[in-house]
PDB file of N, CA and C in Angstrom:
ATOM      1  N   MET A   1     -61.656-109.245 -43.538  1.00  0.00           N
ATOM      2  CA  MET A   1     -60.888-109.639 -42.384  1.00  0.00           C
ATOM      3  C   MET A   1     -61.559-109.133 -41.120  1.00  0.00           C
ATOM      4  N   ASN A   2     -62.001-110.081 -40.344  1.00  0.00           N
ATOM      5  CA  ASN A   2     -62.684-109.738 -39.103  1.00  0.00           C
ATOM      6  C   ASN A   2     -61.880-110.296 -37.942  1.00  0.00           C
ATOM      7  N   GLU A   3     -60.643-109.825 -37.807  1.00  0.00           N
ATOM      8  CA  GLU A   3     -59.775-110.312 -36.750  1.00  0.00           C
ATOM      9  C   GLU A   3     -60.053-109.525 -35.471  1.00  0.00           C
ATOM     10  N   LYS A   4     -60.099-110.241 -34.382  1.00  0.00           N
ATOM     11  CA  LYS A   4     -60.368-109.603 -33.096  1.00  0.00           C
ATOM     12  C   LYS A   4     -59.060-109.466 -32.323  1.00  0.00           C
ATOM     13  N   SER A   5     -59.011-108.425 -31.541  1.00  0.00           N
ATOM     14  CA  SER A   5     -57.815-108.211 -30.738  1.00  0.00           C
ATOM     15  C   SER A   5     -57.782-109.218 -29.584  1.00  0.00           C
ATOM     16  N   TYR A   6     -56.640-109.325 -28.959  1.00  0.00           N
ATOM     17  CA  TYR A   6     -56.466-110.217 -27.820  1.00  0.00           C
ATOM     18  C   TYR A   6     -57.444-109.849 -26.704  1.00  0.00           C
ATOM     19  N   THR A   7     -57.615-108.562 -26.455  1.00  0.00           N
ATOM     20  CA  THR A   7     -58.520-108.087 -25.408  1.00  0.00           C
ATOM     21  C   THR A   7     -59.954-108.501 -25.700  1.00  0.00           C
ATOM     22  N   GLU A   8     -60.371-108.342 -26.936  1.00  0.00           N
ATOM     23  CA  GLU A   8     -61.740-108.729 -27.309  1.00  0.00           C
ATOM     24  C   GLU A   8     -61.950-110.230 -27.135  1.00  0.00           C
ATOM     25  N   LEU A   9     -60.963-111.016 -27.536  1.00  0.00           N
ATOM     26  CA  LEU A   9     -61.062-112.467 -27.386  1.00  0.00           C
ATOM     27  C   LEU A   9     -61.134-112.869 -25.916  1.00  0.00           C
ATOM     28  N   MET A  10     -60.367-112.206 -25.062  1.00  0.00           N
ATOM     29  CA  MET A  10     -60.400-112.495 -23.627  1.00  0.00           C
ATOM     30  C   MET A  10     -61.770-112.152 -23.041  1.00  0.00           C
ATOM     31  N   LYS A  11     -62.354-111.041 -23.468  1.00  0.00           N
ATOM     32  CA  LYS A  11     -63.690-110.656 -22.980  1.00  0.00           C
ATOM     33  C   LYS A  11     -64.735-111.687 -23.392  1.00  0.00           C
ATOM     34  N   ILE A  12     -64.659-112.143 -24.619  1.00  0.00           N
ATOM     35  CA  ILE A  12     -65.616-113.145 -25.115  1.00  0.00           C
ATOM     36  C   ILE A  12     -65.477-114.442 -24.322  1.00  0.00           C
ATOM     37  N   GLY A  13     -64.238-114.860 -24.081  1.00  0.00           N
ATOM     38  CA  GLY A  13     -63.995-116.076 -23.300  1.00  0.00           C
ATOM     39  C   GLY A  13     -64.520-115.963 -21.881  1.00  0.00           C
ATOM     40  N   ALA A  14     -64.309-114.803 -21.270  1.00  0.00           N
ATOM     41  CA  ALA A  14     -64.788-114.588 -19.904  1.00  0.00           C
ATOM     42  C   ALA A  14     -66.304-114.616 -19.844  1.00  0.00           C
ATOM     43  N   MET A  15     -66.960-114.046 -20.836  1.00  0.00           N
ATOM     44  CA  MET A  15     -68.431-114.031 -20.859  1.00  0.00           C
ATOM     45  C   MET A  15     -68.979-115.444 -21.005  1.00  0.00           C
ATOM     46  N   LYS A  16     -68.321-116.265 -21.822  1.00  0.00           N
ATOM     47  CA  LYS A  16     -68.773-117.654 -21.994  1.00  0.00           C
ATOM     48  C   LYS A  16     -68.630-118.435 -20.696  1.00  0.00           C
ATOM     49  N   ARG A  17     -67.491-118.266 -20.014  1.00  0.00           N
ATOM     50  CA  ARG A  17     -67.281-118.962 -18.740  1.00  0.00           C
ATOM     51  C   ARG A  17     -68.291-118.503 -17.704  1.00  0.00           C
ATOM     52  N   GLN A  18     -68.571-117.217 -17.682  1.00  0.00           N
ATOM     53  CA  GLN A  18     -69.521-116.679 -16.711  1.00  0.00           C
ATOM     54  C   GLN A  18     -70.916-117.252 -16.956  1.00  0.00           C
ATOM     55  N   GLY A  19     -71.294-117.436 -18.205  1.00  0.00           N
ATOM     56  CA  GLY A  19     -72.587-118.023 -18.533  1.00  0.00           C
ATOM     57  C   GLY A  19     -72.711-119.435 -18.004  1.00  0.00           C
ATOM     58  N   LYS A  20     -71.641-120.228 -18.136  1.00  0.00           N
ATOM     59  CA  LYS A  20     -71.641-121.600 -17.624  1.00  0.00           C
ATOM     60  C   LYS A  20     -71.692-121.611 -16.097  1.00  0.00           C
ATOM     61  N   GLU A  21     -70.936-120.710 -15.473  1.00  0.00           N
ATOM     62  CA  GLU A  21     -70.930-120.637 -14.016  1.00  0.00           C
ATOM     63  C   GLU A  21     -72.297-120.224 -13.483  1.00  0.00           C
ATOM     64  N   ASN A  22     -72.941-119.289 -14.182  1.00  0.00           N
ATOM     65  CA  ASN A  22     -74.279-118.859 -13.758  1.00  0.00           C
ATOM     66  C   ASN A  22     -75.275-120.005 -13.861  1.00  0.00           C
ATOM     67  N   TYR A  23     -75.162-120.817 -14.901  1.00  0.00           N
ATOM     68  CA  TYR A  23     -76.063-121.945 -15.073  1.00  0.00           C
ATOM     69  C   TYR A  23     -75.906-122.934 -13.925  1.00  0.00           C
ATOM     70  N   VAL A  24     -74.670-123.249 -13.589  1.00  0.00           N
ATOM     71  CA  VAL A  24     -74.403-124.198 -12.502  1.00  0.00           C
ATOM     72  C   VAL A  24     -74.897-123.618 -11.181  1.00  0.00           C
ATOM     73  N   GLN A  25     -74.655-122.334 -10.970  1.00  0.00           N
ATOM     74  CA  GLN A  25     -75.101-121.684  -9.738  1.00  0.00           C
ATOM     75  C   GLN A  25     -76.631-121.687  -9.655  1.00  0.00           C
ATOM     76  N   ASP A  26     -77.303-121.376 -10.762  1.00  0.00           N
ATOM     77  CA  ASP A  26     -78.771-121.404 -10.782  1.00  0.00           C
ATOM     78  C   ASP A  26     -79.299-122.801 -10.513  1.00  0.00           C
ATOM     79  N   LEU A  27     -78.634-123.803 -11.071  1.00  0.00           N
ATOM     80  CA  LEU A  27     -79.033-125.191 -10.854  1.00  0.00           C
ATOM     81  C   LEU A  27     -78.883-125.570  -9.386  1.00  0.00           C
ATOM     82  N   TYR A  28     -77.776-125.169  -8.780  1.00  0.00           N
ATOM     83  CA  TYR A  28     -77.529-125.455  -7.368  1.00  0.00           C
ATOM     84  C   TYR A  28     -78.571-124.778  -6.483  1.00  0.00           C
ATOM     85  N   ILE A  29     -78.889-123.525  -6.780  1.00  0.00           N
ATOM     86  CA  ILE A  29     -79.891-122.787  -6.001  1.00  0.00           C
ATOM     87  C   ILE A  29     -81.250-123.461  -6.129  1.00  0.00           C
ATOM     88  N   ASP A  30     -81.600-123.892  -7.331  1.00  0.00           N
ATOM     89  CA  ASP A  30     -82.882-124.568  -7.550  1.00  0.00           C
ATOM     90  C   ASP A  30     -82.955-125.869  -6.760  1.00  0.00           C
ATOM     91  N   MET A  31     -81.861-126.634  -6.750  1.00  0.00           N
ATOM     92  CA  MET A  31     -81.835-127.884  -5.989  1.00  0.00           C
ATOM     93  C   MET A  31     -81.958-127.611  -4.491  1.00  0.00           C
ATOM     94  N   LEU A  32     -81.287-126.579  -4.023  1.00  0.00           N
ATOM     95  CA  LEU A  32     -81.328-126.231  -2.602  1.00  0.00           C
ATOM     96  C   LEU A  32     -82.736-125.814  -2.184  1.00  0.00           C
ATOM     97  N   LEU A  33     -83.387-124.995  -2.999  1.00  0.00           N
ATOM     98  CA  LEU A  33     -84.758-124.563  -2.691  1.00  0.00           C
ATOM     99  C   LEU A  33     -85.731-125.741  -2.703  1.00  0.00           C
ATOM    100  N   SER A  34     -85.549-126.658  -3.640  1.00  0.00           N
ATOM    101  CA  SER A  34     -86.411-127.847  -3.692  1.00  0.00           C
ATOM    102  C   SER A  34     -86.241-128.693  -2.440  1.00  0.00           C
ATOM    103  N   GLU A  35     -85.002-128.847  -1.995  1.00  0.00           N
ATOM    104  CA  GLU A  35     -84.756-129.635  -0.787  1.00  0.00           C
ATOM    105  C   GLU A  35     -85.366-128.968   0.442  1.00  0.00           C
ATOM    106  N   ILE A  36     -85.238-127.658   0.528  1.00  0.00           N
ATOM    107  CA  ILE A  36     -85.837-126.926   1.657  1.00  0.00           C
ATOM    108  C   ILE A  36     -87.345-127.101   1.651  1.00  0.00           C
ATOM    109  N   GLN A  37     -87.953-126.962   0.479  1.00  0.00           N
ATOM    110  CA  GLN A  37     -89.400-127.110   0.365  1.00  0.00           C
ATOM    111  C   GLN A  37     -89.845-128.514   0.788  1.00  0.00           C
ATOM    112  N   LEU A  38     -89.130-129.532   0.356  1.00  0.00           N
ATOM    113  CA  LEU A  38     -89.475-130.899   0.729  1.00  0.00           C
ATOM    114  C   LEU A  38     -89.306-131.127   2.228  1.00  0.00           C
ATOM    115  N   ASN A  39     -88.266-130.558   2.817  1.00  0.00           N
ATOM    116  CA  ASN A  39     -88.060-130.711   4.260  1.00  0.00           C
ATOM    117  C   ASN A  39     -89.166-130.033   5.062  1.00  0.00           C
ATOM    118  N   VAL A  40     -89.628-128.874   4.598  1.00  0.00           N
ATOM    119  CA  VAL A  40     -90.738-128.190   5.274  1.00  0.00           C
ATOM    120  C   VAL A  40     -92.005-129.037   5.155  1.00  0.00           C
ATOM    121  N   GLU A  41     -92.238-129.561   3.956  1.00  0.00           N
ATOM    122  CA  GLU A  41     -93.408-130.418   3.736  1.00  0.00           C
ATOM    123  C   GLU A  41     -93.334-131.662   4.622  1.00  0.00           C
ATOM    124  N   LYS A  42     -92.136-132.221   4.763  1.00  0.00           N
ATOM    125  CA  LYS A  42     -91.934-133.410   5.593  1.00  0.00           C
ATOM    126  C   LYS A  42     -92.227-133.098   7.057  1.00  0.00           C
ATOM    127  N   GLU A  43     -91.761-131.970   7.557  1.00  0.00           N
ATOM    128  CA  GLU A  43     -92.005-131.587   8.949  1.00  0.00           C
ATOM    129  C   GLU A  43     -93.495-131.414   9.223  1.00  0.00           C
ATOM    130  N   LYS A  44     -94.214-130.787   8.309  1.00  0.00           N
ATOM    131  CA  LYS A  44     -95.661-130.628   8.469  1.00  0.00           C
ATOM    132  C   LYS A  44     -96.348-131.992   8.488  1.00  0.00           C
ATOM    133  N   LEU A  45     -95.899-132.869   7.614  1.00  0.00           N
ATOM    134  CA  LEU A  45     -96.477-134.207   7.536  1.00  0.00           C
ATOM    135  C   LEU A  45     -96.211-134.997   8.812  1.00  0.00           C
ATOM    136  N   LEU A  46     -95.019-134.874   9.367  1.00  0.00           N
ATOM    137  CA  LEU A  46     -94.695-135.568  10.609  1.00  0.00           C
ATOM    138  C   LEU A  46     -95.579-135.085  11.762  1.00  0.00           C
ATOM    139  N   LYS A  47     -95.886-133.797  11.789  1.00  0.00           N
ATOM    140  CA  LYS A  47     -96.784-133.273  12.821  1.00  0.00           C
ATOM    141  C   LYS A  47     -98.193-133.836  12.645  1.00  0.00           C
ATOM    142  N   LYS A  48     -98.631-133.955  11.387  1.00  0.00           N
ATOM    143  CA  LYS A  48     -99.950-134.533  11.133  1.00  0.00           C
ATOM    144  C   LYS A  48     -99.983-136.007  11.518  1.00  0.00           C
ATOM    145  N   ILE A  49     -98.894-136.713  11.280  1.00  0.00           N
ATOM    146  CA  ILE A  49     -98.809-138.125  11.665  1.00  0.00           C
ATOM    147  C   ILE A  49     -98.880-138.252  13.180  1.00  0.00           C
ATOM    148  N   ASP A  50     -98.156-137.389  13.879  1.00  0.00           N
ATOM    149  CA  ASP A  50     -98.214-137.403  15.346  1.00  0.00           C
ATOM    150  C   ASP A  50     -99.636-137.162  15.838  1.00  0.00           C
ATOM    151  N   CYS A  51    -100.325-136.240  15.206  1.00  0.00           N
ATOM    152  CA  CYS A  51    -101.709-135.941  15.589  1.00  0.00           C
ATOM    153  C   CYS A  51    -102.613-137.155  15.328  1.00  0.00           C
ATOM    154  N   ALA A  52    -102.422-137.819  14.196  1.00  0.00           N
ATOM    155  CA  ALA A  52    -103.215-139.015  13.883  1.00  0.00           C
ATOM    156  C   ALA A  52    -102.955-140.116  14.908  1.00  0.00           C
ATOM    157  N   ILE A  53    -101.718-140.245  15.344  1.00  0.00           N
ATOM    158  CA  ILE A  53    -101.389-141.240  16.374  1.00  0.00           C
ATOM    159  C   ILE A  53    -102.077-140.866  17.685  1.00  0.00           C
ATOM    160  N   ASP A  54    -102.008-139.588  18.053  1.00  0.00           N
ATOM    161  CA  ASP A  54    -102.643-139.139  19.293  1.00  0.00           C
ATOM    162  C   ASP A  54    -104.141-139.398  19.297  1.00  0.00           C
ATOM    163  N   HIS A  55    -104.770-139.258  18.121  1.00  0.00           N
ATOM    164  CA  HIS A  55    -106.222-139.466  18.017  1.00  0.00           C
ATOM    165  C   HIS A  55    -106.579-140.898  17.629  1.00  0.00           C
ATOM    166  N   ARG A  56    -105.569-141.759  17.536  1.00  0.00           N
ATOM    167  CA  ARG A  56    -105.740-143.168  17.183  1.00  0.00           C
ATOM    168  C   ARG A  56    -106.524-143.358  15.873  1.00  0.00           C
ATOM    169  N   ASP A  57    -106.181-142.515  14.899  1.00  0.00           N
ATOM    170  CA  ASP A  57    -106.832-142.561  13.587  1.00  0.00           C
ATOM    171  C   ASP A  57    -105.940-143.359  12.633  1.00  0.00           C
ATOM    172  N   LYS A  58    -106.229-144.669  12.522  1.00  0.00           N
ATOM    173  CA  LYS A  58    -105.385-145.554  11.724  1.00  0.00           C
ATOM    174  C   LYS A  58    -105.413-145.199  10.241  1.00  0.00           C
ATOM    175  N   GLN A  59    -106.589-144.898   9.713  1.00  0.00           N
ATOM    176  CA  GLN A  59    -106.692-144.595   8.283  1.00  0.00           C
ATOM    177  C   GLN A  59    -105.863-143.364   7.921  1.00  0.00           C
ATOM    178  N   LYS A  60    -105.993-142.332   8.710  1.00  0.00           N
ATOM    179  CA  LYS A  60    -105.233-141.112   8.457  1.00  0.00           C
ATOM    180  C   LYS A  60    -103.735-141.382   8.612  1.00  0.00           C
ATOM    181  N   PHE A  61    -103.387-142.172   9.613  1.00  0.00           N
ATOM    182  CA  PHE A  61    -101.981-142.519   9.836  1.00  0.00           C
ATOM    183  C   PHE A  61    -101.400-143.239   8.620  1.00  0.00           C
ATOM    184  N   TYR A  62    -102.111-144.232   8.096  1.00  0.00           N
ATOM    185  CA  TYR A  62    -101.614-144.979   6.945  1.00  0.00           C
ATOM    186  C   TYR A  62    -101.507-144.084   5.712  1.00  0.00           C
ATOM    187  N   LEU A  63    -102.492-143.233   5.502  1.00  0.00           N
ATOM    188  CA  LEU A  63    -102.472-142.319   4.364  1.00  0.00           C
ATOM    189  C   LEU A  63    -101.283-141.364   4.455  1.00  0.00           C
ATOM    190  N   LEU A  64    -101.099-140.775   5.618  1.00  0.00           N
ATOM    191  CA  LEU A  64     -99.996-139.840   5.809  1.00  0.00           C
ATOM    192  C   LEU A  64     -98.648-140.541   5.746  1.00  0.00           C
ATOM    193  N   SER A  65     -98.591-141.772   6.215  1.00  0.00           N
ATOM    194  CA  SER A  65     -97.340-142.541   6.157  1.00  0.00           C
ATOM    195  C   SER A  65     -96.932-142.816   4.714  1.00  0.00           C
ATOM    196  N   LYS A  66     -97.911-143.089   3.861  1.00  0.00           N
ATOM    197  CA  LYS A  66     -97.616-143.302   2.442  1.00  0.00           C
ATOM    198  C   LYS A  66     -97.047-142.025   1.822  1.00  0.00           C
ATOM    199  N   LYS A  67     -97.621-140.896   2.196  1.00  0.00           N
ATOM    200  CA  LYS A  67     -97.112-139.621   1.688  1.00  0.00           C
ATOM    201  C   LYS A  67     -95.690-139.363   2.180  1.00  0.00           C
ATOM    202  N   LEU A  68     -95.429-139.758   3.420  1.00  0.00           N
ATOM    203  CA  LEU A  68     -94.089-139.592   3.981  1.00  0.00           C
ATOM    204  C   LEU A  68     -93.069-140.437   3.221  1.00  0.00           C
ATOM    205  N   VAL A  69     -93.447-141.645   2.860  1.00  0.00           N
ATOM    206  CA  VAL A  69     -92.565-142.516   2.082  1.00  0.00           C
ATOM    207  C   VAL A  69     -92.242-141.862   0.731  1.00  0.00           C
ATOM    208  N   GLU A  70     -93.248-141.263   0.087  1.00  0.00           N
ATOM    209  CA  GLU A  70     -93.034-140.592  -1.188  1.00  0.00           C
ATOM    210  C   GLU A  70     -92.077-139.414  -1.048  1.00  0.00           C
ATOM    211  N   ILE A  71     -92.256-138.627  -0.002  1.00  0.00           N
ATOM    212  CA  ILE A  71     -91.378-137.479   0.227  1.00  0.00           C
ATOM    213  C   ILE A  71     -89.954-137.956   0.505  1.00  0.00           C
ATOM    214  N   ASN A  72     -89.807-139.017   1.277  1.00  0.00           N
ATOM    215  CA  ASN A  72     -88.473-139.552   1.564  1.00  0.00           C
ATOM    216  C   ASN A  72     -87.790-140.041   0.279  1.00  0.00           C
ATOM    217  N   LYS A  73     -88.570-140.616  -0.629  1.00  0.00           N
ATOM    218  CA  LYS A  73     -88.004-141.052  -1.916  1.00  0.00           C
ATOM    219  C   LYS A  73     -87.520-139.848  -2.714  1.00  0.00           C
ATOM    220  N   ARG A  74     -88.320-138.788  -2.708  1.00  0.00           N
ATOM    221  CA  ARG A  74     -87.940-137.575  -3.439  1.00  0.00           C
ATOM    222  C   ARG A  74     -86.711-136.914  -2.813  1.00  0.00           C
ATOM    223  N   LEU A  75     -86.556-137.057  -1.508  1.00  0.00           N
ATOM    224  CA  LEU A  75     -85.385-136.509  -0.834  1.00  0.00           C
ATOM    225  C   LEU A  75     -84.169-137.408  -0.985  1.00  0.00           C
ATOM    226  N   GLY A  76     -84.410-138.646  -1.393  1.00  0.00           N
ATOM    227  CA  GLY A  76     -83.296-139.590  -1.546  1.00  0.00           C
ATOM    228  C   GLY A  76     -82.878-140.226  -0.237  1.00  0.00           C
ATOM    229  N   THR A  77     -83.817-140.289   0.721  1.00  0.00           N
ATOM    230  CA  THR A  77     -83.492-140.905   2.014  1.00  0.00           C
ATOM    231  C   THR A  77     -84.281-142.176   2.208  1.00  0.00           C
TER     232      THR A  77
END
């Protein structure tokens, strides 16, 4: 007979819930960090695009614009 007390069962239940909550929290943090990283990358790319426009460099502009489209897709915009 391996019966557990009410207190032990409550502790086990709380630990299981905490594990699920930690997973969701970790997932949310990972998504937030990925979005921040993509936004920083996008800002750098926009500055490079502005520079290519200022220097009238069409090839660089088109290349950077393609990269911007890819980043926007990854951001869901």
